[in-house]
Amino acid sequence: MNYKDSRWIKKRERILKRDKYECRECKRYGKTTLATTVHHVKPADDYPELRYYSKNLYSCCSNCHNTFHDRDSNQLTQKGLELVERIYRDETWPPKLS
């Protein structure tokens, strides 16, 4: 994924604005934290068709973002897999991309 691509930069900004620049994960626990990252719930490298799919994009702080990935293997952690389950629980497949 090219994170310097203008399409990604615009999409990232729209997602942060959608989520009021608040970390959605911290918010689940009653905390208000500035979101600085947009996480691909299903990784963009594995699911390129979901790269710009709004439902697959999750605003979060860097601390929470780091809990979703194993930085050595770049695989999703258990917490990252749980997020996939939460987001896609009721999704029909393939999703209607928007």
PDB file of N, CA and C in Angstrom:
ATOM      1  N   MET A   1       0.862  -1.190   0.000  1.00  0.00           N
ATOM      2  CA  MET A   1       0.000   0.000   0.000  1.00  0.00           C
ATOM      3  C   MET A   1       0.891   1.230   0.000  1.00  0.00           C
ATOM      4  N   ASN A   2       0.587   2.141  -0.884  1.00  0.00           N
ATOM      5  CA  ASN A   2       1.324   3.398  -0.958  1.00  0.00           C
ATOM      6  C   ASN A   2       0.595   4.449  -0.116  1.00  0.00           C
ATOM      7  N   TYR A   3       1.121   4.703   1.067  1.00  0.00           N
ATOM      8  CA  TYR A   3       0.463   5.636   1.987  1.00  0.00           C
ATOM      9  C   TYR A   3       0.702   7.100   1.617  1.00  0.00           C
ATOM     10  N   LYS A   4       1.484   7.359   0.576  1.00  0.00           N
ATOM     11  CA  LYS A   4       1.698   8.731   0.098  1.00  0.00           C
ATOM     12  C   LYS A   4       0.803   9.041  -1.101  1.00  0.00           C
ATOM     13  N   ASP A   5       0.052   8.049  -1.562  1.00  0.00           N
ATOM     14  CA  ASP A   5      -0.859   8.215  -2.688  1.00  0.00           C
ATOM     15  C   ASP A   5      -1.958   9.221  -2.330  1.00  0.00           C
ATOM     16  N   SER A   6      -2.268  10.122  -3.235  1.00  0.00           N
ATOM     17  CA  SER A   6      -3.249  11.176  -2.938  1.00  0.00           C
ATOM     18  C   SER A   6      -4.629  10.602  -2.624  1.00  0.00           C
ATOM     19  N   ARG A   7      -4.987   9.502  -3.267  1.00  0.00           N
ATOM     20  CA  ARG A   7      -6.290   8.892  -2.972  1.00  0.00           C
ATOM     21  C   ARG A   7      -6.341   8.421  -1.516  1.00  0.00           C
ATOM     22  N   TRP A   8      -5.245   7.805  -1.041  1.00  0.00           N
ATOM     23  CA  TRP A   8      -5.205   7.351   0.348  1.00  0.00           C
ATOM     24  C   TRP A   8      -5.222   8.540   1.307  1.00  0.00           C
ATOM     25  N   ILE A   9      -4.456   9.560   1.011  1.00  0.00           N
ATOM     26  CA  ILE A   9      -4.385  10.738   1.895  1.00  0.00           C
ATOM     27  C   ILE A   9      -5.780  11.344   2.070  1.00  0.00           C
ATOM     28  N   LYS A  10      -6.531  11.461   0.973  1.00  0.00           N
ATOM     29  CA  LYS A  10      -7.893  12.025   1.046  1.00  0.00           C
ATOM     30  C   LYS A  10      -8.830  11.096   1.810  1.00  0.00           C
ATOM     31  N   LYS A  11      -8.733   9.809   1.525  1.00  0.00           N
ATOM     32  CA  LYS A  11      -9.608   8.840   2.199  1.00  0.00           C
ATOM     33  C   LYS A  11      -9.320   8.814   3.699  1.00  0.00           C
ATOM     34  N   ARG A  12      -8.047   8.801   4.049  1.00  0.00           N
ATOM     35  CA  ARG A  12      -7.628   8.804   5.465  1.00  0.00           C
ATOM     36  C   ARG A  12      -8.235  10.004   6.190  1.00  0.00           C
ATOM     37  N   GLU A  13      -8.149  11.169   5.571  1.00  0.00           N
ATOM     38  CA  GLU A  13      -8.681  12.380   6.189  1.00  0.00           C
ATOM     39  C   GLU A  13     -10.198  12.282   6.361  1.00  0.00           C
ATOM     40  N   ARG A  14     -10.891  11.736   5.361  1.00  0.00           N
ATOM     41  CA  ARG A  14     -12.352  11.575   5.479  1.00  0.00           C
ATOM     42  C   ARG A  14     -12.710  10.628   6.623  1.00  0.00           C
ATOM     43  N   ILE A  15     -11.931   9.567   6.790  1.00  0.00           N
ATOM     44  CA  ILE A  15     -12.222   8.607   7.862  1.00  0.00           C
ATOM     45  C   ILE A  15     -11.961   9.239   9.231  1.00  0.00           C
ATOM     46  N   LEU A  16     -10.852   9.949   9.374  1.00  0.00           N
ATOM     47  CA  LEU A  16     -10.577  10.638  10.647  1.00  0.00           C
ATOM     48  C   LEU A  16     -11.687  11.628  10.970  1.00  0.00           C
ATOM     49  N   LYS A  17     -12.137  12.359   9.958  1.00  0.00           N
ATOM     50  CA  LYS A  17     -13.218  13.326  10.160  1.00  0.00           C
ATOM     51  C   LYS A  17     -14.515  12.600  10.528  1.00  0.00           C
ATOM     52  N   ARG A  18     -14.803  11.482   9.850  1.00  0.00           N
ATOM     53  CA  ARG A  18     -15.995  10.679  10.156  1.00  0.00           C
ATOM     54  C   ARG A  18     -16.028  10.305  11.633  1.00  0.00           C
ATOM     55  N   ASP A  19     -14.854   9.951  12.155  1.00  0.00           N
ATOM     56  CA  ASP A  19     -14.746   9.498  13.543  1.00  0.00           C
ATOM     57  C   ASP A  19     -14.392  10.620  14.511  1.00  0.00           C
ATOM     58  N   LYS A  20     -14.529  11.854  14.038  1.00  0.00           N
ATOM     59  CA  LYS A  20     -14.297  13.045  14.868  1.00  0.00           C
ATOM     60  C   LYS A  20     -12.900  13.081  15.473  1.00  0.00           C
ATOM     61  N   TYR A  21     -11.939  12.494  14.748  1.00  0.00           N
ATOM     62  CA  TYR A  21     -10.532  12.472  15.173  1.00  0.00           C
ATOM     63  C   TYR A  21     -10.348  11.817  16.544  1.00  0.00           C
ATOM     64  N   GLU A  22     -11.250  10.905  16.879  1.00  0.00           N
ATOM     65  CA  GLU A  22     -11.175  10.183  18.153  1.00  0.00           C
ATOM     66  C   GLU A  22     -10.868   8.716  17.897  1.00  0.00           C
ATOM     67  N   CYS A  23     -10.057   8.150  18.764  1.00  0.00           N
ATOM     68  CA  CYS A  23      -9.729   6.726  18.680  1.00  0.00           C
ATOM     69  C   CYS A  23     -10.975   5.917  19.005  1.00  0.00           C
ATOM     70  N   ARG A  24     -11.422   5.113  18.041  1.00  0.00           N
ATOM     71  CA  ARG A  24     -12.619   4.305  18.246  1.00  0.00           C
ATOM     72  C   ARG A  24     -12.394   3.219  19.292  1.00  0.00           C
ATOM     73  N   GLU A  25     -11.182   2.725  19.391  1.00  0.00           N
ATOM     74  CA  GLU A  25     -10.894   1.658  20.360  1.00  0.00           C
ATOM     75  C   GLU A  25     -10.908   2.218  21.778  1.00  0.00           C
ATOM     76  N   CYS A  26     -10.231   3.330  22.006  1.00  0.00           N
ATOM     77  CA  CYS A  26     -10.256   3.960  23.337  1.00  0.00           C
ATOM     78  C   CYS A  26     -11.687   4.327  23.730  1.00  0.00           C
ATOM     79  N   LYS A  27     -12.452   4.808  22.758  1.00  0.00           N
ATOM     80  CA  LYS A  27     -13.831   5.220  23.017  1.00  0.00           C
ATOM     81  C   LYS A  27     -14.674   4.053  23.540  1.00  0.00           C
ATOM     82  N   ARG A  28     -14.371   2.840  23.096  1.00  0.00           N
ATOM     83  CA  ARG A  28     -15.088   1.651  23.586  1.00  0.00           C
ATOM     84  C   ARG A  28     -14.951   1.504  25.094  1.00  0.00           C
ATOM     85  N   TYR A  29     -13.863   2.046  25.641  1.00  0.00           N
ATOM     86  CA  TYR A  29     -13.577   1.926  27.073  1.00  0.00           C
ATOM     87  C   TYR A  29     -13.806   3.242  27.817  1.00  0.00           C
ATOM     88  N   GLY A  30     -14.519   4.168  27.173  1.00  0.00           N
ATOM     89  CA  GLY A  30     -14.889   5.414  27.816  1.00  0.00           C
ATOM     90  C   GLY A  30     -13.804   6.476  27.838  1.00  0.00           C
ATOM     91  N   LYS A  31     -12.740   6.275  27.069  1.00  0.00           N
ATOM     92  CA  LYS A  31     -11.656   7.260  27.018  1.00  0.00           C
ATOM     93  C   LYS A  31     -11.753   8.055  25.727  1.00  0.00           C
ATOM     94  N   THR A  32     -11.349   9.312  25.787  1.00  0.00           N
ATOM     95  CA  THR A  32     -11.269  10.139  24.591  1.00  0.00           C
ATOM     96  C   THR A  32      -9.799  10.372  24.290  1.00  0.00           C
ATOM     97  N   THR A  33      -9.361   9.855  23.150  1.00  0.00           N
ATOM     98  CA  THR A  33      -7.964   9.947  22.736  1.00  0.00           C
ATOM     99  C   THR A  33      -7.931  10.379  21.276  1.00  0.00           C
ATOM    100  N   LEU A  34      -6.991  11.228  20.940  1.00  0.00           N
ATOM    101  CA  LEU A  34      -6.827  11.693  19.571  1.00  0.00           C
ATOM    102  C   LEU A  34      -6.439  10.542  18.652  1.00  0.00           C
ATOM    103  N   ALA A  35      -7.180  10.381  17.567  1.00  0.00           N
ATOM    104  CA  ALA A  35      -6.843   9.374  16.552  1.00  0.00           C
ATOM    105  C   ALA A  35      -5.801   9.974  15.613  1.00  0.00           C
ATOM    106  N   THR A  36      -4.711   9.263  15.432  1.00  0.00           N
ATOM    107  CA  THR A  36      -3.631   9.722  14.552  1.00  0.00           C
ATOM    108  C   THR A  36      -3.399   8.749  13.398  1.00  0.00           C
ATOM    109  N   THR A  37      -4.089   7.620  13.418  1.00  0.00           N
ATOM    110  CA  THR A  37      -3.868   6.544  12.465  1.00  0.00           C
ATOM    111  C   THR A  37      -5.209   6.036  11.953  1.00  0.00           C
ATOM    112  N   VAL A  38      -5.214   5.571  10.707  1.00  0.00           N
ATOM    113  CA  VAL A  38      -6.371   4.865  10.184  1.00  0.00           C
ATOM    114  C   VAL A  38      -5.908   3.438   9.893  1.00  0.00           C
ATOM    115  N   HIS A  39      -6.477   2.509  10.623  1.00  0.00           N
ATOM    116  CA  HIS A  39      -6.112   1.094  10.559  1.00  0.00           C
ATOM    117  C   HIS A  39      -6.970   0.372   9.531  1.00  0.00           C
ATOM    118  N   HIS A  40      -6.345  -0.480   8.709  1.00  0.00           N
ATOM    119  CA  HIS A  40      -7.080  -1.378   7.814  1.00  0.00           C
ATOM    120  C   HIS A  40      -7.470  -2.606   8.645  1.00  0.00           C
ATOM    121  N   VAL A  41      -8.742  -2.749   8.937  1.00  0.00           N
ATOM    122  CA  VAL A  41      -9.215  -3.850   9.781  1.00  0.00           C
ATOM    123  C   VAL A  41      -8.785  -5.185   9.169  1.00  0.00           C
ATOM    124  N   LYS A  42      -9.118  -5.390   7.902  1.00  0.00           N
ATOM    125  CA  LYS A  42      -8.558  -6.510   7.143  1.00  0.00           C
ATOM    126  C   LYS A  42      -7.387  -5.910   6.379  1.00  0.00           C
ATOM    127  N   PRO A  43      -6.178  -6.417   6.586  1.00  0.00           N
ATOM    128  CA  PRO A  43      -4.974  -5.784   6.032  1.00  0.00           C
ATOM    129  C   PRO A  43      -5.033  -5.543   4.527  1.00  0.00           C
ATOM    130  N   ALA A  44      -4.598  -4.351   4.132  1.00  0.00           N
ATOM    131  CA  ALA A  44      -4.624  -3.951   2.724  1.00  0.00           C
ATOM    132  C   ALA A  44      -3.773  -4.871   1.850  1.00  0.00           C
ATOM    133  N   ASP A  45      -2.690  -5.399   2.368  1.00  0.00           N
ATOM    134  CA  ASP A  45      -1.849  -6.297   1.575  1.00  0.00           C
ATOM    135  C   ASP A  45      -2.565  -7.613   1.270  1.00  0.00           C
ATOM    136  N   ASP A  46      -3.388  -8.077   2.199  1.00  0.00           N
ATOM    137  CA  ASP A  46      -4.116  -9.337   2.024  1.00  0.00           C
ATOM    138  C   ASP A  46      -5.457  -9.150   1.318  1.00  0.00           C
ATOM    139  N   TYR A  47      -6.043  -7.971   1.458  1.00  0.00           N
ATOM    140  CA  TYR A  47      -7.362  -7.678   0.892  1.00  0.00           C
ATOM    141  C   TYR A  47      -7.314  -6.350   0.133  1.00  0.00           C
ATOM    142  N   PRO A  48      -6.602  -6.303  -0.994  1.00  0.00           N
ATOM    143  CA  PRO A  48      -6.458  -5.025  -1.707  1.00  0.00           C
ATOM    144  C   PRO A  48      -7.797  -4.429  -2.155  1.00  0.00           C
ATOM    145  N   GLU A  49      -8.796  -5.273  -2.350  1.00  0.00           N
ATOM    146  CA  GLU A  49     -10.114  -4.775  -2.754  1.00  0.00           C
ATOM    147  C   GLU A  49     -10.790  -3.973  -1.642  1.00  0.00           C
ATOM    148  N   LEU A  50     -10.313  -4.118  -0.398  1.00  0.00           N
ATOM    149  CA  LEU A  50     -10.878  -3.386   0.746  1.00  0.00           C
ATOM    150  C   LEU A  50     -10.038  -2.174   1.145  1.00  0.00           C
ATOM    151  N   ARG A  51      -9.035  -1.878   0.361  1.00  0.00           N
ATOM    152  CA  ARG A  51      -8.080  -0.809   0.680  1.00  0.00           C
ATOM    153  C   ARG A  51      -8.762   0.521   0.998  1.00  0.00           C
ATOM    154  N   TYR A  52      -9.814   0.875   0.245  1.00  0.00           N
ATOM    155  CA  TYR A  52     -10.491   2.166   0.428  1.00  0.00           C
ATOM    156  C   TYR A  52     -11.933   2.000   0.906  1.00  0.00           C
ATOM    157  N   TYR A  53     -12.286   0.817   1.338  1.00  0.00           N
ATOM    158  CA  TYR A  53     -13.641   0.509   1.811  1.00  0.00           C
ATOM    159  C   TYR A  53     -13.819   1.116   3.202  1.00  0.00           C
ATOM    160  N   SER A  54     -14.730   2.051   3.328  1.00  0.00           N
ATOM    161  CA  SER A  54     -14.884   2.814   4.577  1.00  0.00           C
ATOM    162  C   SER A  54     -15.091   1.933   5.799  1.00  0.00           C
ATOM    163  N   LYS A  55     -15.882   0.877   5.656  1.00  0.00           N
ATOM    164  CA  LYS A  55     -16.140   0.005   6.809  1.00  0.00           C
ATOM    165  C   LYS A  55     -14.864  -0.692   7.282  1.00  0.00           C
ATOM    166  N   ASN A  56     -13.902  -0.866   6.392  1.00  0.00           N
ATOM    167  CA  ASN A  56     -12.650  -1.541   6.725  1.00  0.00           C
ATOM    168  C   ASN A  56     -11.627  -0.595   7.354  1.00  0.00           C
ATOM    169  N   LEU A  57     -11.971   0.659   7.491  1.00  0.00           N
ATOM    170  CA  LEU A  57     -11.037   1.663   8.002  1.00  0.00           C
ATOM    171  C   LEU A  57     -11.489   2.131   9.379  1.00  0.00           C
ATOM    172  N   TYR A  58     -10.546   2.148  10.308  1.00  0.00           N
ATOM    173  CA  TYR A  58     -10.841   2.321  11.733  1.00  0.00           C
ATOM    174  C   TYR A  58      -9.870   3.338  12.314  1.00  0.00           C
ATOM    175  N   SER A  59     -10.371   4.491  12.718  1.00  0.00           N
ATOM    176  CA  SER A  59      -9.525   5.532  13.321  1.00  0.00           C
ATOM    177  C   SER A  59      -9.071   5.101  14.703  1.00  0.00           C
ATOM    178  N   CYS A  60      -7.781   5.262  14.962  1.00  0.00           N
ATOM    179  CA  CYS A  60      -7.259   4.880  16.278  1.00  0.00           C
ATOM    180  C   CYS A  60      -5.995   5.669  16.615  1.00  0.00           C
ATOM    181  N   CYS A  61      -5.640   5.628  17.876  1.00  0.00           N
ATOM    182  CA  CYS A  61      -4.388   6.229  18.331  1.00  0.00           C
ATOM    183  C   CYS A  61      -3.249   5.237  18.023  1.00  0.00           C
ATOM    184  N   SER A  62      -2.041   5.712  18.081  1.00  0.00           N
ATOM    185  CA  SER A  62      -0.911   4.824  17.748  1.00  0.00           C
ATOM    186  C   SER A  62      -0.771   3.686  18.747  1.00  0.00           C
ATOM    187  N   ASN A  63      -1.095   3.917  20.020  1.00  0.00           N
ATOM    188  CA  ASN A  63      -1.014   2.834  21.009  1.00  0.00           C
ATOM    189  C   ASN A  63      -1.965   1.700  20.664  1.00  0.00           C
ATOM    190  N   CYS A  64      -3.209   2.039  20.353  1.00  0.00           N
ATOM    191  CA  CYS A  64      -4.175   0.999  19.986  1.00  0.00           C
ATOM    192  C   CYS A  64      -3.789   0.345  18.674  1.00  0.00           C
ATOM    193  N   HIS A  65      -3.340   1.139  17.714  1.00  0.00           N
ATOM    194  CA  HIS A  65      -2.940   0.567  16.421  1.00  0.00           C
ATOM    195  C   HIS A  65      -1.861  -0.489  16.621  1.00  0.00           C
ATOM    196  N   ASN A  66      -0.933  -0.236  17.497  1.00  0.00           N
ATOM    197  CA  ASN A  66       0.150  -1.200  17.744  1.00  0.00           C
ATOM    198  C   ASN A  66      -0.344  -2.486  18.398  1.00  0.00           C
ATOM    199  N   THR A  67      -1.512  -2.447  19.026  1.00  0.00           N
ATOM    200  CA  THR A  67      -2.048  -3.679  19.629  1.00  0.00           C
ATOM    201  C   THR A  67      -2.734  -4.565  18.596  1.00  0.00           C
ATOM    202  N   PHE A  68      -3.017  -4.029  17.416  1.00  0.00           N
ATOM    203  CA  PHE A  68      -3.695  -4.796  16.373  1.00  0.00           C
ATOM    204  C   PHE A  68      -2.732  -5.603  15.503  1.00  0.00           C
ATOM    205  N   HIS A  69      -1.443  -5.269  15.548  1.00  0.00           N
ATOM    206  CA  HIS A  69      -0.440  -5.907  14.690  1.00  0.00           C
ATOM    207  C   HIS A  69       0.708  -6.455  15.509  1.00  0.00           C
ATOM    208  N   ASP A  70       1.238  -7.583  15.111  1.00  0.00           N
ATOM    209  CA  ASP A  70       2.531  -8.047  15.610  1.00  0.00           C
ATOM    210  C   ASP A  70       3.555  -7.386  14.693  1.00  0.00           C
ATOM    211  N   ARG A  71       4.327  -6.469  15.217  1.00  0.00           N
ATOM    212  CA  ARG A  71       5.240  -5.678  14.399  1.00  0.00           C
ATOM    213  C   ARG A  71       6.402  -6.500  13.838  1.00  0.00           C
ATOM    214  N   ASP A  72       6.689  -7.654  14.415  1.00  0.00           N
ATOM    215  CA  ASP A  72       7.746  -8.512  13.864  1.00  0.00           C
ATOM    216  C   ASP A  72       7.256  -9.286  12.645  1.00  0.00           C
ATOM    217  N   SER A  73       6.081  -9.870  12.747  1.00  0.00           N
ATOM    218  CA  SER A  73       5.560 -10.699  11.655  1.00  0.00           C
ATOM    219  C   SER A  73       4.587  -9.944  10.749  1.00  0.00           C
ATOM    220  N   ASN A  74       4.139  -8.777  11.187  1.00  0.00           N
ATOM    221  CA  ASN A  74       3.139  -7.967  10.489  1.00  0.00           C
ATOM    222  C   ASN A  74       1.790  -8.691  10.379  1.00  0.00           C
ATOM    223  N   GLN A  75       1.573  -9.691  11.201  1.00  0.00           N
ATOM    224  CA  GLN A  75       0.299 -10.402  11.247  1.00  0.00           C
ATOM    225  C   GLN A  75      -0.603  -9.738  12.289  1.00  0.00           C
ATOM    226  N   LEU A  76      -1.902  -9.939  12.138  1.00  0.00           N
ATOM    227  CA  LEU A  76      -2.830  -9.423  13.134  1.00  0.00           C
ATOM    228  C   LEU A  76      -2.650 -10.182  14.444  1.00  0.00           C
ATOM    229  N   THR A  77      -2.742  -9.459  15.543  1.00  0.00           N
ATOM    230  CA  THR A  77      -2.728 -10.074  16.869  1.00  0.00           C
ATOM    231  C   THR A  77      -4.121 -10.611  17.170  1.00  0.00           C
ATOM    232  N   GLN A  78      -4.265 -11.244  18.310  1.00  0.00           N
ATOM    233  CA  GLN A  78      -5.589 -11.702  18.734  1.00  0.00           C
ATOM    234  C   GLN A  78      -6.559 -10.530  18.805  1.00  0.00           C
ATOM    235  N   LYS A  79      -6.102  -9.392  19.309  1.00  0.00           N
ATOM    236  CA  LYS A  79      -6.948  -8.201  19.393  1.00  0.00           C
ATOM    237  C   LYS A  79      -7.337  -7.712  17.995  1.00  0.00           C
ATOM    238  N   GLY A  80      -6.408  -7.787  17.056  1.00  0.00           N
ATOM    239  CA  GLY A  80      -6.704  -7.416  15.674  1.00  0.00           C
ATOM    240  C   GLY A  80      -7.721  -8.347  15.044  1.00  0.00           C
ATOM    241  N   LEU A  81      -7.599  -9.637  15.319  1.00  0.00           N
ATOM    242  CA  LEU A  81      -8.557 -10.619  14.803  1.00  0.00           C
ATOM    243  C   LEU A  81      -9.942 -10.411  15.419  1.00  0.00           C
ATOM    244  N   GLU A  82      -9.974 -10.046  16.692  1.00  0.00           N
ATOM    245  CA  GLU A  82     -11.249  -9.759  17.356  1.00  0.00           C
ATOM    246  C   GLU A  82     -11.920  -8.533  16.735  1.00  0.00           C
ATOM    247  N   LEU A  83     -11.112  -7.545  16.355  1.00  0.00           N
ATOM    248  CA  LEU A  83     -11.654  -6.358  15.686  1.00  0.00           C
ATOM    249  C   LEU A  83     -12.267  -6.753  14.340  1.00  0.00           C
ATOM    250  N   VAL A  84     -11.600  -7.603  13.581  1.00  0.00           N
ATOM    251  CA  VAL A  84     -12.162  -8.091  12.310  1.00  0.00           C
ATOM    252  C   VAL A  84     -13.527  -8.723  12.567  1.00  0.00           C
ATOM    253  N   GLU A  85     -13.606  -9.564  13.572  1.00  0.00           N
ATOM    254  CA  GLU A  85     -14.871 -10.236  13.900  1.00  0.00           C
ATOM    255  C   GLU A  85     -15.949  -9.226  14.266  1.00  0.00           C
ATOM    256  N   ARG A  86     -15.621  -8.233  15.068  1.00  0.00           N
ATOM    257  CA  ARG A  86     -16.600  -7.211  15.471  1.00  0.00           C
ATOM    258  C   ARG A  86     -17.111  -6.428  14.271  1.00  0.00           C
ATOM    259  N   ILE A  87     -16.191  -6.007  13.410  1.00  0.00           N
ATOM    260  CA  ILE A  87     -16.559  -5.151  12.281  1.00  0.00           C
ATOM    261  C   ILE A  87     -17.340  -5.931  11.222  1.00  0.00           C
ATOM    262  N   TYR A  88     -16.931  -7.156  10.964  1.00  0.00           N
ATOM    263  CA  TYR A  88     -17.509  -7.923   9.860  1.00  0.00           C
ATOM    264  C   TYR A  88     -18.523  -8.976  10.290  1.00  0.00           C
ATOM    265  N   ARG A  89     -18.916  -8.979  11.529  1.00  0.00           N
ATOM    266  CA  ARG A  89     -19.828  -9.999  12.068  1.00  0.00           C
ATOM    267  C   ARG A  89     -21.070 -10.183  11.201  1.00  0.00           C
ATOM    268  N   ASP A  90     -21.692  -9.098  10.773  1.00  0.00           N
ATOM    269  CA  ASP A  90     -22.954  -9.184  10.044  1.00  0.00           C
ATOM    270  C   ASP A  90     -22.807  -8.884   8.554  1.00  0.00           C
ATOM    271  N   GLU A  91     -21.586  -8.894   8.065  1.00  0.00           N
ATOM    272  CA  GLU A  91     -21.306  -8.532   6.674  1.00  0.00           C
ATOM    273  C   GLU A  91     -21.579  -9.701   5.741  1.00  0.00           C
ATOM    274  N   THR A  92     -22.271  -9.438   4.646  1.00  0.00           N
ATOM    275  CA  THR A  92     -22.372 -10.438   3.591  1.00  0.00           C
ATOM    276  C   THR A  92     -21.105 -10.336   2.754  1.00  0.00           C
ATOM    277  N   TRP A  93     -20.732 -11.424   2.135  1.00  0.00           N
ATOM    278  CA  TRP A  93     -19.472 -11.421   1.382  1.00  0.00           C
ATOM    279  C   TRP A  93     -19.744 -11.820  -0.051  1.00  0.00           C
ATOM    280  N   PRO A  94     -19.186 -11.127  -1.016  1.00  0.00           N
ATOM    281  CA  PRO A  94     -18.336  -9.952  -0.860  1.00  0.00           C
ATOM    282  C   PRO A  94     -19.176  -8.723  -0.525  1.00  0.00           C
ATOM    283  N   PRO A  95     -18.590  -7.781   0.189  1.00  0.00           N
ATOM    284  CA  PRO A  95     -19.348  -6.581   0.563  1.00  0.00           C
ATOM    285  C   PRO A  95     -19.588  -5.677  -0.647  1.00  0.00           C
ATOM    286  N   LYS A  96     -20.581  -4.835  -0.534  1.00  0.00           N
ATOM    287  CA  LYS A  96     -20.772  -3.776  -1.532  1.00  0.00           C
ATOM    288  C   LYS A  96     -19.795  -2.674  -1.143  1.00  0.00           C
ATOM    289  N   LEU A  97     -18.827  -2.438  -1.981  1.00  0.00           N
ATOM    290  CA  LEU A  97     -17.756  -1.501  -1.644  1.00  0.00           C
ATOM    291  C   LEU A  97     -18.210  -0.069  -1.854  1.00  0.00           C
ATOM    292  N   SER A  98     -17.879   0.774  -0.852  1.00  0.00           N
ATOM    293  CA  SER A  98     -18.183   2.207  -0.950  1.00  0.00           C
ATOM    294  C   SER A  98     -17.066   2.997  -0.316  1.00  0.00           C
TER     295      SER A  98
END
